[in-house]
Amino acid sequence: MQYEKKLKEKIESLRQKMIEDGMNKGMKNKETLVYSQELDELIYEYQMKMMTG
């Protein structure tokens, strides 16, 4: 349960970084896209964890 909470916090933190970076540098900026990819991976990991318990 603690792992899921930490993962959720990491997702929210990275989401905020991505949004800020996108607003400042543009949504097609390389760094913004890297944040987006990392976020996708974390969300996938979270979803898999929720499905498997």
PDB file of N, CA and C in Angstrom:
ATOM      1  N   MET A   1       0.825  -1.196   0.000  1.00  0.00           N
ATOM      2  CA  MET A   1       0.000   0.000   0.000  1.00  0.00           C
ATOM      3  C   MET A   1       0.872   1.265   0.000  1.00  0.00           C
ATOM      4  N   GLN A   2       1.944   1.236   0.737  1.00  0.00           N
ATOM      5  CA  GLN A   2       2.851   2.388   0.806  1.00  0.00           C
ATOM      6  C   GLN A   2       3.476   2.655  -0.562  1.00  0.00           C
ATOM      7  N   TYR A   3       3.805   1.577  -1.279  1.00  0.00           N
ATOM      8  CA  TYR A   3       4.406   1.712  -2.602  1.00  0.00           C
ATOM      9  C   TYR A   3       3.465   2.452  -3.546  1.00  0.00           C
ATOM     10  N   GLU A   4       2.186   2.085  -3.507  1.00  0.00           N
ATOM     11  CA  GLU A   4       1.200   2.729  -4.373  1.00  0.00           C
ATOM     12  C   GLU A   4       1.077   4.220  -4.063  1.00  0.00           C
ATOM     13  N   LYS A   5       1.121   4.555  -2.786  1.00  0.00           N
ATOM     14  CA  LYS A   5       1.014   5.952  -2.378  1.00  0.00           C
ATOM     15  C   LYS A   5       2.212   6.750  -2.891  1.00  0.00           C
ATOM     16  N   LYS A   6       3.404   6.197  -2.743  1.00  0.00           N
ATOM     17  CA  LYS A   6       4.615   6.870  -3.219  1.00  0.00           C
ATOM     18  C   LYS A   6       4.586   7.031  -4.741  1.00  0.00           C
ATOM     19  N   LEU A   7       4.123   5.994  -5.422  1.00  0.00           N
ATOM     20  CA  LEU A   7       4.042   6.041  -6.873  1.00  0.00           C
ATOM     21  C   LEU A   7       3.049   7.107  -7.321  1.00  0.00           C
ATOM     22  N   LYS A   8       1.926   7.197  -6.643  1.00  0.00           N
ATOM     23  CA  LYS A   8       0.918   8.208  -6.959  1.00  0.00           C
ATOM     24  C   LYS A   8       1.477   9.622  -6.741  1.00  0.00           C
ATOM     25  N   GLU A   9       2.223   9.815  -5.671  1.00  0.00           N
ATOM     26  CA  GLU A   9       2.838  11.117  -5.398  1.00  0.00           C
ATOM     27  C   GLU A   9       3.863  11.467  -6.479  1.00  0.00           C
ATOM     28  N   LYS A  10       4.629  10.472  -6.912  1.00  0.00           N
ATOM     29  CA  LYS A  10       5.626  10.687  -7.956  1.00  0.00           C
ATOM     30  C   LYS A  10       4.943  11.070  -9.268  1.00  0.00           C
ATOM     31  N   ILE A  11       3.823  10.417  -9.565  1.00  0.00           N
ATOM     32  CA  ILE A  11       3.058  10.731 -10.772  1.00  0.00           C
ATOM     33  C   ILE A  11       2.575  12.176 -10.732  1.00  0.00           C
ATOM     34  N   GLU A  12       2.011  12.579  -9.622  1.00  0.00           N
ATOM     35  CA  GLU A  12       1.494  13.952  -9.507  1.00  0.00           C
ATOM     36  C   GLU A  12       2.610  14.983  -9.613  1.00  0.00           C
ATOM     37  N   SER A  13       3.746  14.708  -9.000  1.00  0.00           N
ATOM     38  CA  SER A  13       4.882  15.617  -9.058  1.00  0.00           C
ATOM     39  C   SER A  13       5.393  15.759 -10.491  1.00  0.00           C
ATOM     40  N   LEU A  14       5.542  14.635 -11.170  1.00  0.00           N
ATOM     41  CA  LEU A  14       6.028  14.657 -12.546  1.00  0.00           C
ATOM     42  C   LEU A  14       5.016  15.324 -13.468  1.00  0.00           C
ATOM     43  N   ARG A  15       3.732  15.120 -13.214  1.00  0.00           N
ATOM     44  CA  ARG A  15       2.697  15.767 -14.016  1.00  0.00           C
ATOM     45  C   ARG A  15       2.812  17.293 -13.914  1.00  0.00           C
ATOM     46  N   GLN A  16       3.051  17.783 -12.702  1.00  0.00           N
ATOM     47  CA  GLN A  16       3.205  19.225 -12.515  1.00  0.00           C
ATOM     48  C   GLN A  16       4.438  19.759 -13.242  1.00  0.00           C
ATOM     49  N   LYS A  17       5.545  19.011 -13.162  1.00  0.00           N
ATOM     50  CA  LYS A  17       6.766  19.420 -13.865  1.00  0.00           C
ATOM     51  C   LYS A  17       6.517  19.481 -15.368  1.00  0.00           C
ATOM     52  N   MET A  18       5.830  18.470 -15.896  1.00  0.00           N
ATOM     53  CA  MET A  18       5.555  18.420 -17.323  1.00  0.00           C
ATOM     54  C   MET A  18       4.681  19.606 -17.753  1.00  0.00           C
ATOM     55  N   ILE A  19       3.655  19.899 -16.981  1.00  0.00           N
ATOM     56  CA  ILE A  19       2.760  21.009 -17.304  1.00  0.00           C
ATOM     57  C   ILE A  19       3.522  22.337 -17.281  1.00  0.00           C
ATOM     58  N   GLU A  20       4.308  22.555 -16.235  1.00  0.00           N
ATOM     59  CA  GLU A  20       5.085  23.796 -16.133  1.00  0.00           C
ATOM     60  C   GLU A  20       6.073  23.923 -17.290  1.00  0.00           C
ATOM     61  N   ASP A  21       6.761  22.835 -17.576  1.00  0.00           N
ATOM     62  CA  ASP A  21       7.740  22.848 -18.659  1.00  0.00           C
ATOM     63  C   ASP A  21       7.039  23.107 -19.992  1.00  0.00           C
ATOM     64  N   GLY A  22       5.906  22.469 -20.193  1.00  0.00           N
ATOM     65  CA  GLY A  22       5.150  22.657 -21.428  1.00  0.00           C
ATOM     66  C   GLY A  22       4.664  24.082 -21.593  1.00  0.00           C
ATOM     67  N   MET A  23       4.244  24.689 -20.506  1.00  0.00           N
ATOM     68  CA  MET A  23       3.769  26.070 -20.572  1.00  0.00           C
ATOM     69  C   MET A  23       4.916  27.041 -20.844  1.00  0.00           C
ATOM     70  N   ASN A  24       6.087  26.742 -20.303  1.00  0.00           N
ATOM     71  CA  ASN A  24       7.236  27.634 -20.460  1.00  0.00           C
ATOM     72  C   ASN A  24       8.008  27.417 -21.762  1.00  0.00           C
ATOM     73  N   LYS A  25       8.129  26.174 -22.173  1.00  0.00           N
ATOM     74  CA  LYS A  25       8.981  25.856 -23.319  1.00  0.00           C
ATOM     75  C   LYS A  25       8.212  25.334 -24.527  1.00  0.00           C
ATOM     76  N   GLY A  26       6.970  24.970 -24.316  1.00  0.00           N
ATOM     77  CA  GLY A  26       6.169  24.422 -25.411  1.00  0.00           C
ATOM     78  C   GLY A  26       5.974  22.921 -25.257  1.00  0.00           C
ATOM     79  N   MET A  27       4.843  22.455 -25.758  1.00  0.00           N
ATOM     80  CA  MET A  27       4.508  21.035 -25.600  1.00  0.00           C
ATOM     81  C   MET A  27       5.365  20.120 -26.479  1.00  0.00           C
ATOM     82  N   LYS A  28       6.027  20.672 -27.476  1.00  0.00           N
ATOM     83  CA  LYS A  28       6.872  19.857 -28.351  1.00  0.00           C
ATOM     84  C   LYS A  28       8.353  19.946 -27.974  1.00  0.00           C
ATOM     85  N   ASN A  29       8.648  20.631 -26.885  1.00  0.00           N
ATOM     86  CA  ASN A  29      10.020  20.736 -26.396  1.00  0.00           C
ATOM     87  C   ASN A  29      10.518  19.354 -25.977  1.00  0.00           C
ATOM     88  N   LYS A  30      11.783  19.085 -26.238  1.00  0.00           N
ATOM     89  CA  LYS A  30      12.360  17.765 -25.943  1.00  0.00           C
ATOM     90  C   LYS A  30      12.188  17.386 -24.466  1.00  0.00           C
ATOM     91  N   GLU A  31      12.471  18.309 -23.552  1.00  0.00           N
ATOM     92  CA  GLU A  31      12.349  18.018 -22.121  1.00  0.00           C
ATOM     93  C   GLU A  31      10.903  17.713 -21.738  1.00  0.00           C
ATOM     94  N   THR A  32       9.967  18.453 -22.309  1.00  0.00           N
ATOM     95  CA  THR A  32       8.549  18.223 -22.032  1.00  0.00           C
ATOM     96  C   THR A  32       8.145  16.830 -22.496  1.00  0.00           C
ATOM     97  N   LEU A  33       8.634  16.441 -23.659  1.00  0.00           N
ATOM     98  CA  LEU A  33       8.311  15.116 -24.188  1.00  0.00           C
ATOM     99  C   LEU A  33       8.919  14.006 -23.333  1.00  0.00           C
ATOM    100  N   VAL A  34      10.097  14.246 -22.796  1.00  0.00           N
ATOM    101  CA  VAL A  34      10.723  13.258 -21.901  1.00  0.00           C
ATOM    102  C   VAL A  34       9.875  13.106 -20.636  1.00  0.00           C
ATOM    103  N   TYR A  35       9.420  14.237 -20.070  1.00  0.00           N
ATOM    104  CA  TYR A  35       8.534  14.169 -18.907  1.00  0.00           C
ATOM    105  C   TYR A  35       7.278  13.381 -19.240  1.00  0.00           C
ATOM    106  N   SER A  36       6.736  13.611 -20.424  1.00  0.00           N
ATOM    107  CA  SER A  36       5.522  12.929 -20.843  1.00  0.00           C
ATOM    108  C   SER A  36       5.734  11.417 -20.931  1.00  0.00           C
ATOM    109  N   GLN A  37       6.850  11.016 -21.493  1.00  0.00           N
ATOM    110  CA  GLN A  37       7.170   9.590 -21.608  1.00  0.00           C
ATOM    111  C   GLN A  37       7.346   8.958 -20.227  1.00  0.00           C
ATOM    112  N   GLU A  38       8.061   9.642 -19.357  1.00  0.00           N
ATOM    113  CA  GLU A  38       8.269   9.130 -17.996  1.00  0.00           C
ATOM    114  C   GLU A  38       6.929   9.006 -17.272  1.00  0.00           C
ATOM    115  N   LEU A  39       6.078   9.988 -17.479  1.00  0.00           N
ATOM    116  CA  LEU A  39       4.769   9.978 -16.852  1.00  0.00           C
ATOM    117  C   LEU A  39       3.939   8.802 -17.367  1.00  0.00           C
ATOM    118  N   ASP A  40       3.985   8.567 -18.660  1.00  0.00           N
ATOM    119  CA  ASP A  40       3.267   7.421 -19.234  1.00  0.00           C
ATOM    120  C   ASP A  40       3.723   6.117 -18.590  1.00  0.00           C
ATOM    121  N   GLU A  41       5.029   5.979 -18.419  1.00  0.00           N
ATOM    122  CA  GLU A  41       5.575   4.759 -17.822  1.00  0.00           C
ATOM    123  C   GLU A  41       5.120   4.589 -16.372  1.00  0.00           C
ATOM    124  N   LEU A  42       5.129   5.675 -15.617  1.00  0.00           N
ATOM    125  CA  LEU A  42       4.695   5.607 -14.223  1.00  0.00           C
ATOM    126  C   LEU A  42       3.206   5.290 -14.110  1.00  0.00           C
ATOM    127  N   ILE A  43       2.409   5.894 -14.983  1.00  0.00           N
ATOM    128  CA  ILE A  43       0.969   5.625 -14.965  1.00  0.00           C
ATOM    129  C   ILE A  43       0.714   4.164 -15.316  1.00  0.00           C
ATOM    130  N   TYR A  44       1.423   3.652 -16.292  1.00  0.00           N
ATOM    131  CA  TYR A  44       1.281   2.240 -16.666  1.00  0.00           C
ATOM    132  C   TYR A  44       1.659   1.338 -15.489  1.00  0.00           C
ATOM    133  N   GLU A  45       2.765   1.654 -14.857  1.00  0.00           N
ATOM    134  CA  GLU A  45       3.211   0.878 -13.691  1.00  0.00           C
ATOM    135  C   GLU A  45       2.151   0.902 -12.589  1.00  0.00           C
ATOM    136  N   TYR A  46       1.582   2.071 -12.340  1.00  0.00           N
ATOM    137  CA  TYR A  46       0.545   2.212 -11.315  1.00  0.00           C
ATOM    138  C   TYR A  46      -0.690   1.384 -11.679  1.00  0.00           C
ATOM    139  N   GLN A  47      -1.104   1.458 -12.937  1.00  0.00           N
ATOM    140  CA  GLN A  47      -2.282   0.700 -13.370  1.00  0.00           C
ATOM    141  C   GLN A  47      -2.049  -0.803 -13.237  1.00  0.00           C
ATOM    142  N   MET A  48      -0.865  -1.255 -13.615  1.00  0.00           N
ATOM    143  CA  MET A  48      -0.555  -2.681 -13.492  1.00  0.00           C
ATOM    144  C   MET A  48      -0.545  -3.120 -12.035  1.00  0.00           C
ATOM    145  N   LYS A  49      -0.018  -2.280 -11.181  1.00  0.00           N
ATOM    146  CA  LYS A  49       0.019  -2.600  -9.759  1.00  0.00           C
ATOM    147  C   LYS A  49      -1.385  -2.691  -9.187  1.00  0.00           C
ATOM    148  N   MET A  50      -2.264  -1.804  -9.634  1.00  0.00           N
ATOM    149  CA  MET A  50      -3.649  -1.796  -9.144  1.00  0.00           C
ATOM    150  C   MET A  50      -4.410  -3.036  -9.639  1.00  0.00           C
ATOM    151  N   MET A  51      -4.084  -3.500 -10.826  1.00  0.00           N
ATOM    152  CA  MET A  51      -4.763  -4.668 -11.386  1.00  0.00           C
ATOM    153  C   MET A  51      -4.301  -5.957 -10.738  1.00  0.00           C
ATOM    154  N   THR A  52      -3.025  -6.017 -10.379  1.00  0.00           N
ATOM    155  CA  THR A  52      -2.462  -7.248  -9.830  1.00  0.00           C
ATOM    156  C   THR A  52      -2.474  -7.282  -8.306  1.00  0.00           C
ATOM    157  N   GLY A  53      -2.669  -6.121  -7.723  1.00  0.00           N
ATOM    158  CA  GLY A  53      -2.714  -6.065  -6.256  1.00  0.00           C
ATOM    159  C   GLY A  53      -1.385  -5.931  -5.706  1.00  0.00           C
TER     160      GLY A  53
END
